[in-house]
Amino acid sequence: MPEPEFATFAVAAEPNGPEGEYFEPIRRHLGAESMGINRLELQPRQRLRVHVHQRQEELYLVLSGTLTLIVEEVENEIPVGTLARVGPSTRRQVANRGDVPVVFLAFGAAGEHESRDALAWTTWDEDGPGRSPREVPNPPDFDE
C-alpha cells in the first residue's frame, strides 16, 4: 500500500506585525500541486498592486481584520470569516483601509473542477473499489 498523502501546516490568524513578512506561500509546505495557497498580512492603509490572472480564479478567506478587496475599481469590505471569489481576467487589488492589520488566505486554481470524483466506503474495513458517496450513508455519530 502506498504511503498516504497527508500534510498539515499551522496558519497564524493573528498578525505578525509591521516587521513580519506580508506574503507567505503555503502550497509547498503542504505539497499541494493543483492550487496556490498564500497567507497575506496587510498593515493599516497598506495595499498591493492591481493585478489580474490569465487563467486562475482566486478565493480570499479573511482570518482577522477587514480586507478591502477592490474589484474593477469597486471597493468591497470583506469581514472576518467571509470567503470572496474573483474570476480570471478580472482586475483586483487587495488593500487594508482599516486601523488594524488584516490577515487573509488567498487560494488560486485554474482549470475545470472535477466535481463528484470521490469514492466512499461504509467502514474502514470495507474492501472493494468504493461507490459513489450518494450511495453510502453517513455512519452513526461517535458515542459520548
C-alpha atoms as a PDB file:
ATOM      1  CA  MET A   1       0.000   0.000   0.000  1.00  0.00           C
ATOM      2  CA  PRO A   2       1.453   3.422  -0.906  1.00  0.00           C
ATOM      3  CA  GLU A   3       2.204   5.987   1.792  1.00  0.00           C
ATOM      4  CA  PRO A   4      -0.886   8.178   2.399  1.00  0.00           C
ATOM      5  CA  GLU A   5      -0.647  11.751   1.116  1.00  0.00           C
ATOM      6  CA  PHE A   6      -1.434  13.904   4.135  1.00  0.00           C
ATOM      7  CA  ALA A   7       0.083  17.122   5.461  1.00  0.00           C
ATOM      8  CA  THR A   8      -0.759  19.854   7.930  1.00  0.00           C
ATOM      9  CA  PHE A   9       0.558  23.364   8.351  1.00  0.00           C
ATOM     10  CA  ALA A  10      -0.312  25.833  11.122  1.00  0.00           C
ATOM     11  CA  VAL A  11      -1.518  29.167   9.736  1.00  0.00           C
ATOM     12  CA  ALA A  12      -1.367  32.154  12.081  1.00  0.00           C
ATOM     13  CA  ALA A  13      -4.604  34.124  12.146  1.00  0.00           C
ATOM     14  CA  GLU A  14      -3.051  36.781  14.352  1.00  0.00           C
ATOM     15  CA  PRO A  15      -0.912  39.491  12.731  1.00  0.00           C
ATOM     16  CA  ASN A  16       2.871  39.218  12.902  1.00  0.00           C
ATOM     17  CA  GLY A  17       3.266  42.997  12.963  1.00  0.00           C
ATOM     18  CA  PRO A  18       4.841  45.533  10.613  1.00  0.00           C
ATOM     19  CA  GLU A  19       8.260  43.867  10.751  1.00  0.00           C
ATOM     20  CA  GLY A  20       6.914  40.458   9.686  1.00  0.00           C
ATOM     21  CA  GLU A  21       6.580  39.106   6.161  1.00  0.00           C
ATOM     22  CA  TYR A  22       3.424  40.218   4.386  1.00  0.00           C
ATOM     23  CA  PHE A  23       3.429  37.243   1.974  1.00  0.00           C
ATOM     24  CA  GLU A  24       3.862  33.597   2.995  1.00  0.00           C
ATOM     25  CA  PRO A  25       3.497  30.843   0.380  1.00  0.00           C
ATOM     26  CA  ILE A  26       1.878  27.783   1.960  1.00  0.00           C
ATOM     27  CA  ARG A  27       1.407  25.430  -1.008  1.00  0.00           C
ATOM     28  CA  ARG A  28       4.857  23.865  -0.794  1.00  0.00           C
ATOM     29  CA  HIS A  29       4.541  23.212   2.958  1.00  0.00           C
ATOM     30  CA  LEU A  30       1.534  21.034   2.185  1.00  0.00           C
ATOM     31  CA  GLY A  31       2.731  19.533  -1.092  1.00  0.00           C
ATOM     32  CA  ALA A  32      -0.283  20.985  -2.925  1.00  0.00           C
ATOM     33  CA  GLU A  33       0.235  20.788  -6.670  1.00  0.00           C
ATOM     34  CA  SER A  34      -3.062  21.903  -8.214  1.00  0.00           C
ATOM     35  CA  MET A  35      -3.659  25.166  -6.340  1.00  0.00           C
ATOM     36  CA  GLY A  36      -1.798  28.065  -4.838  1.00  0.00           C
ATOM     37  CA  ILE A  37      -2.306  28.915  -1.164  1.00  0.00           C
ATOM     38  CA  ASN A  38      -0.800  32.037   0.379  1.00  0.00           C
ATOM     39  CA  ARG A  39      -1.116  33.826   3.713  1.00  0.00           C
ATOM     40  CA  LEU A  40      -1.031  37.583   3.380  1.00  0.00           C
ATOM     41  CA  GLU A  41      -0.903  40.260   6.033  1.00  0.00           C
ATOM     42  CA  LEU A  42      -1.525  43.926   5.308  1.00  0.00           C
ATOM     43  CA  GLN A  43      -0.842  46.682   7.784  1.00  0.00           C
ATOM     44  CA  PRO A  44      -3.302  49.581   8.191  1.00  0.00           C
ATOM     45  CA  ARG A  45      -3.666  51.578   4.944  1.00  0.00           C
ATOM     46  CA  GLN A  46      -1.337  49.210   3.059  1.00  0.00           C
ATOM     47  CA  ARG A  47      -2.290  47.973  -0.403  1.00  0.00           C
ATOM     48  CA  LEU A  48      -0.714  45.755  -3.016  1.00  0.00           C
ATOM     49  CA  ARG A  49      -0.564  46.167  -6.787  1.00  0.00           C
ATOM     50  CA  VAL A  50      -3.566  45.911  -9.093  1.00  0.00           C
ATOM     51  CA  HIS A  51      -3.342  42.536 -10.808  1.00  0.00           C
ATOM     52  CA  VAL A  52      -5.183  40.038 -12.976  1.00  0.00           C
ATOM     53  CA  HIS A  53      -4.742  36.340 -13.643  1.00  0.00           C
ATOM     54  CA  GLN A  54      -4.981  34.934 -17.133  1.00  0.00           C
ATOM     55  CA  ARG A  55      -6.336  31.521 -16.119  1.00  0.00           C
ATOM     56  CA  GLN A  56      -6.787  31.156 -12.384  1.00  0.00           C
ATOM     57  CA  GLU A  57      -9.601  32.261 -10.156  1.00  0.00           C
ATOM     58  CA  GLU A  58      -8.822  33.335  -6.601  1.00  0.00           C
ATOM     59  CA  LEU A  59     -10.636  32.835  -3.319  1.00  0.00           C
ATOM     60  CA  TYR A  60      -9.891  35.079  -0.345  1.00  0.00           C
ATOM     61  CA  LEU A  61     -10.675  33.986   3.227  1.00  0.00           C
ATOM     62  CA  VAL A  62     -10.293  36.675   5.898  1.00  0.00           C
ATOM     63  CA  LEU A  63      -8.792  35.382   9.186  1.00  0.00           C
ATOM     64  CA  SER A  64      -8.532  38.693  11.090  1.00  0.00           C
ATOM     65  CA  GLY A  65      -9.303  42.335  10.396  1.00  0.00           C
ATOM     66  CA  THR A  66     -11.295  43.518   7.370  1.00  0.00           C
ATOM     67  CA  LEU A  67      -9.980  43.120   3.842  1.00  0.00           C
ATOM     68  CA  THR A  68     -10.705  45.802   1.283  1.00  0.00           C
ATOM     69  CA  LEU A  69     -10.966  43.883  -1.983  1.00  0.00           C
ATOM     70  CA  ILE A  70     -11.078  46.284  -4.918  1.00  0.00           C
ATOM     71  CA  VAL A  71     -12.607  44.618  -7.980  1.00  0.00           C
ATOM     72  CA  GLU A  72     -12.579  46.627 -11.214  1.00  0.00           C
ATOM     73  CA  GLU A  73     -12.246  49.839  -9.131  1.00  0.00           C
ATOM     74  CA  VAL A  74     -15.170  48.973  -6.802  1.00  0.00           C
ATOM     75  CA  GLU A  75     -14.225  48.622  -3.126  1.00  0.00           C
ATOM     76  CA  ASN A  76     -15.679  45.692  -1.194  1.00  0.00           C
ATOM     77  CA  GLU A  77     -15.218  45.303   2.571  1.00  0.00           C
ATOM     78  CA  ILE A  78     -14.709  41.618   3.400  1.00  0.00           C
ATOM     79  CA  PRO A  79     -15.036  40.850   7.148  1.00  0.00           C
ATOM     80  CA  VAL A  80     -13.567  38.002   9.214  1.00  0.00           C
ATOM     81  CA  GLY A  81     -14.872  34.581   8.284  1.00  0.00           C
ATOM     82  CA  THR A  82     -16.024  35.665   4.827  1.00  0.00           C
ATOM     83  CA  LEU A  83     -14.932  33.983   1.621  1.00  0.00           C
ATOM     84  CA  ALA A  84     -14.775  36.040  -1.582  1.00  0.00           C
ATOM     85  CA  ARG A  85     -14.102  34.922  -5.174  1.00  0.00           C
ATOM     86  CA  VAL A  86     -12.625  36.858  -8.096  1.00  0.00           C
ATOM     87  CA  GLY A  87     -12.650  35.205 -11.500  1.00  0.00           C
ATOM     88  CA  PRO A  88      -9.841  35.080 -14.037  1.00  0.00           C
ATOM     89  CA  SER A  89      -9.366  38.137 -16.243  1.00  0.00           C
ATOM     90  CA  THR A  90     -10.998  40.379 -13.604  1.00  0.00           C
ATOM     91  CA  ARG A  91      -8.686  43.052 -12.230  1.00  0.00           C
ATOM     92  CA  ARG A  92      -8.360  43.152  -8.461  1.00  0.00           C
ATOM     93  CA  GLN A  93      -6.348  44.760  -5.673  1.00  0.00           C
ATOM     94  CA  VAL A  94      -6.077  43.709  -2.040  1.00  0.00           C
ATOM     95  CA  ALA A  95      -5.893  46.525   0.483  1.00  0.00           C
ATOM     96  CA  ASN A  96      -6.442  47.443   4.114  1.00  0.00           C
ATOM     97  CA  ARG A  97      -8.351  50.685   4.685  1.00  0.00           C
ATOM     98  CA  GLY A  98      -8.754  49.836   8.365  1.00  0.00           C
ATOM     99  CA  ASP A  99      -6.842  50.820  11.501  1.00  0.00           C
ATOM    100  CA  VAL A 100      -5.745  47.274  12.420  1.00  0.00           C
ATOM    101  CA  PRO A 101      -3.820  44.669  10.391  1.00  0.00           C
ATOM    102  CA  VAL A 102      -5.725  42.254   8.161  1.00  0.00           C
ATOM    103  CA  VAL A 103      -4.672  38.610   7.703  1.00  0.00           C
ATOM    104  CA  PHE A 104      -6.163  36.520   4.907  1.00  0.00           C
ATOM    105  CA  LEU A 105      -5.589  33.433   2.819  1.00  0.00           C
ATOM    106  CA  ALA A 106      -5.570  33.569  -0.971  1.00  0.00           C
ATOM    107  CA  PHE A 107      -6.317  30.346  -2.862  1.00  0.00           C
ATOM    108  CA  GLY A 108      -5.735  30.194  -6.604  1.00  0.00           C
ATOM    109  CA  ALA A 109      -6.544  27.448  -9.092  1.00  0.00           C
ATOM    110  CA  ALA A 110      -7.078  27.106 -12.826  1.00  0.00           C
ATOM    111  CA  GLY A 111      -8.915  24.638 -14.990  1.00  0.00           C
ATOM    112  CA  GLU A 112     -12.191  22.846 -14.709  1.00  0.00           C
ATOM    113  CA  HIS A 113     -13.085  21.429 -11.283  1.00  0.00           C
ATOM    114  CA  GLU A 114     -13.661  17.677 -11.306  1.00  0.00           C
ATOM    115  CA  SER A 115     -16.921  17.514  -9.425  1.00  0.00           C
ATOM    116  CA  ARG A 116     -18.007  14.316  -7.770  1.00  0.00           C
ATOM    117  CA  ASP A 117     -14.788  12.371  -8.315  1.00  0.00           C
ATOM    118  CA  ALA A 118     -14.947  10.841  -4.811  1.00  0.00           C
ATOM    119  CA  LEU A 119     -15.410   7.199  -3.877  1.00  0.00           C
ATOM    120  CA  ALA A 120     -16.801   6.161  -0.494  1.00  0.00           C
ATOM    121  CA  TRP A 121     -16.959   3.136   1.818  1.00  0.00           C
ATOM    122  CA  THR A 122     -19.297   2.331   4.701  1.00  0.00           C
ATOM    123  CA  THR A 123     -16.434   1.491   7.105  1.00  0.00           C
ATOM    124  CA  TRP A 124     -12.635   1.344   7.184  1.00  0.00           C
ATOM    125  CA  ASP A 125     -12.888  -2.443   6.998  1.00  0.00           C
ATOM    126  CA  GLU A 126     -14.891  -2.493   3.758  1.00  0.00           C
ATOM    127  CA  ASP A 127     -12.940  -3.734   0.736  1.00  0.00           C
ATOM    128  CA  GLY A 128     -13.623  -3.125  -2.906  1.00  0.00           C
ATOM    129  CA  PRO A 129     -13.379  -0.228  -5.315  1.00  0.00           C
ATOM    130  CA  GLY A 130     -15.694   2.108  -3.428  1.00  0.00           C
ATOM    131  CA  ARG A 131     -19.006   3.603  -4.506  1.00  0.00           C
ATOM    132  CA  SER A 132     -20.465   6.998  -5.202  1.00  0.00           C
ATOM    133  CA  PRO A 133     -20.831   8.906  -1.899  1.00  0.00           C
ATOM    134  CA  ARG A 134     -24.536   9.323  -2.713  1.00  0.00           C
ATOM    135  CA  GLU A 135     -24.896   5.528  -2.377  1.00  0.00           C
ATOM    136  CA  VAL A 136     -23.146   5.305   1.021  1.00  0.00           C
ATOM    137  CA  PRO A 137     -24.962   6.562   4.132  1.00  0.00           C
ATOM    138  CA  ASN A 138     -23.102   8.525   6.784  1.00  0.00           C
ATOM    139  CA  PRO A 139     -22.080   6.426   9.801  1.00  0.00           C
ATOM    140  CA  PRO A 140     -23.640   6.973  13.231  1.00  0.00           C
ATOM    141  CA  ASP A 141     -22.084   9.729  15.348  1.00  0.00           C
ATOM    142  CA  PHE A 142     -19.403   8.839  17.920  1.00  0.00           C
ATOM    143  CA  ASP A 143     -20.576   7.729  21.353  1.00  0.00           C
ATOM    144  CA  GLU A 144     -20.056  10.230  24.135  1.00  0.00           C
END
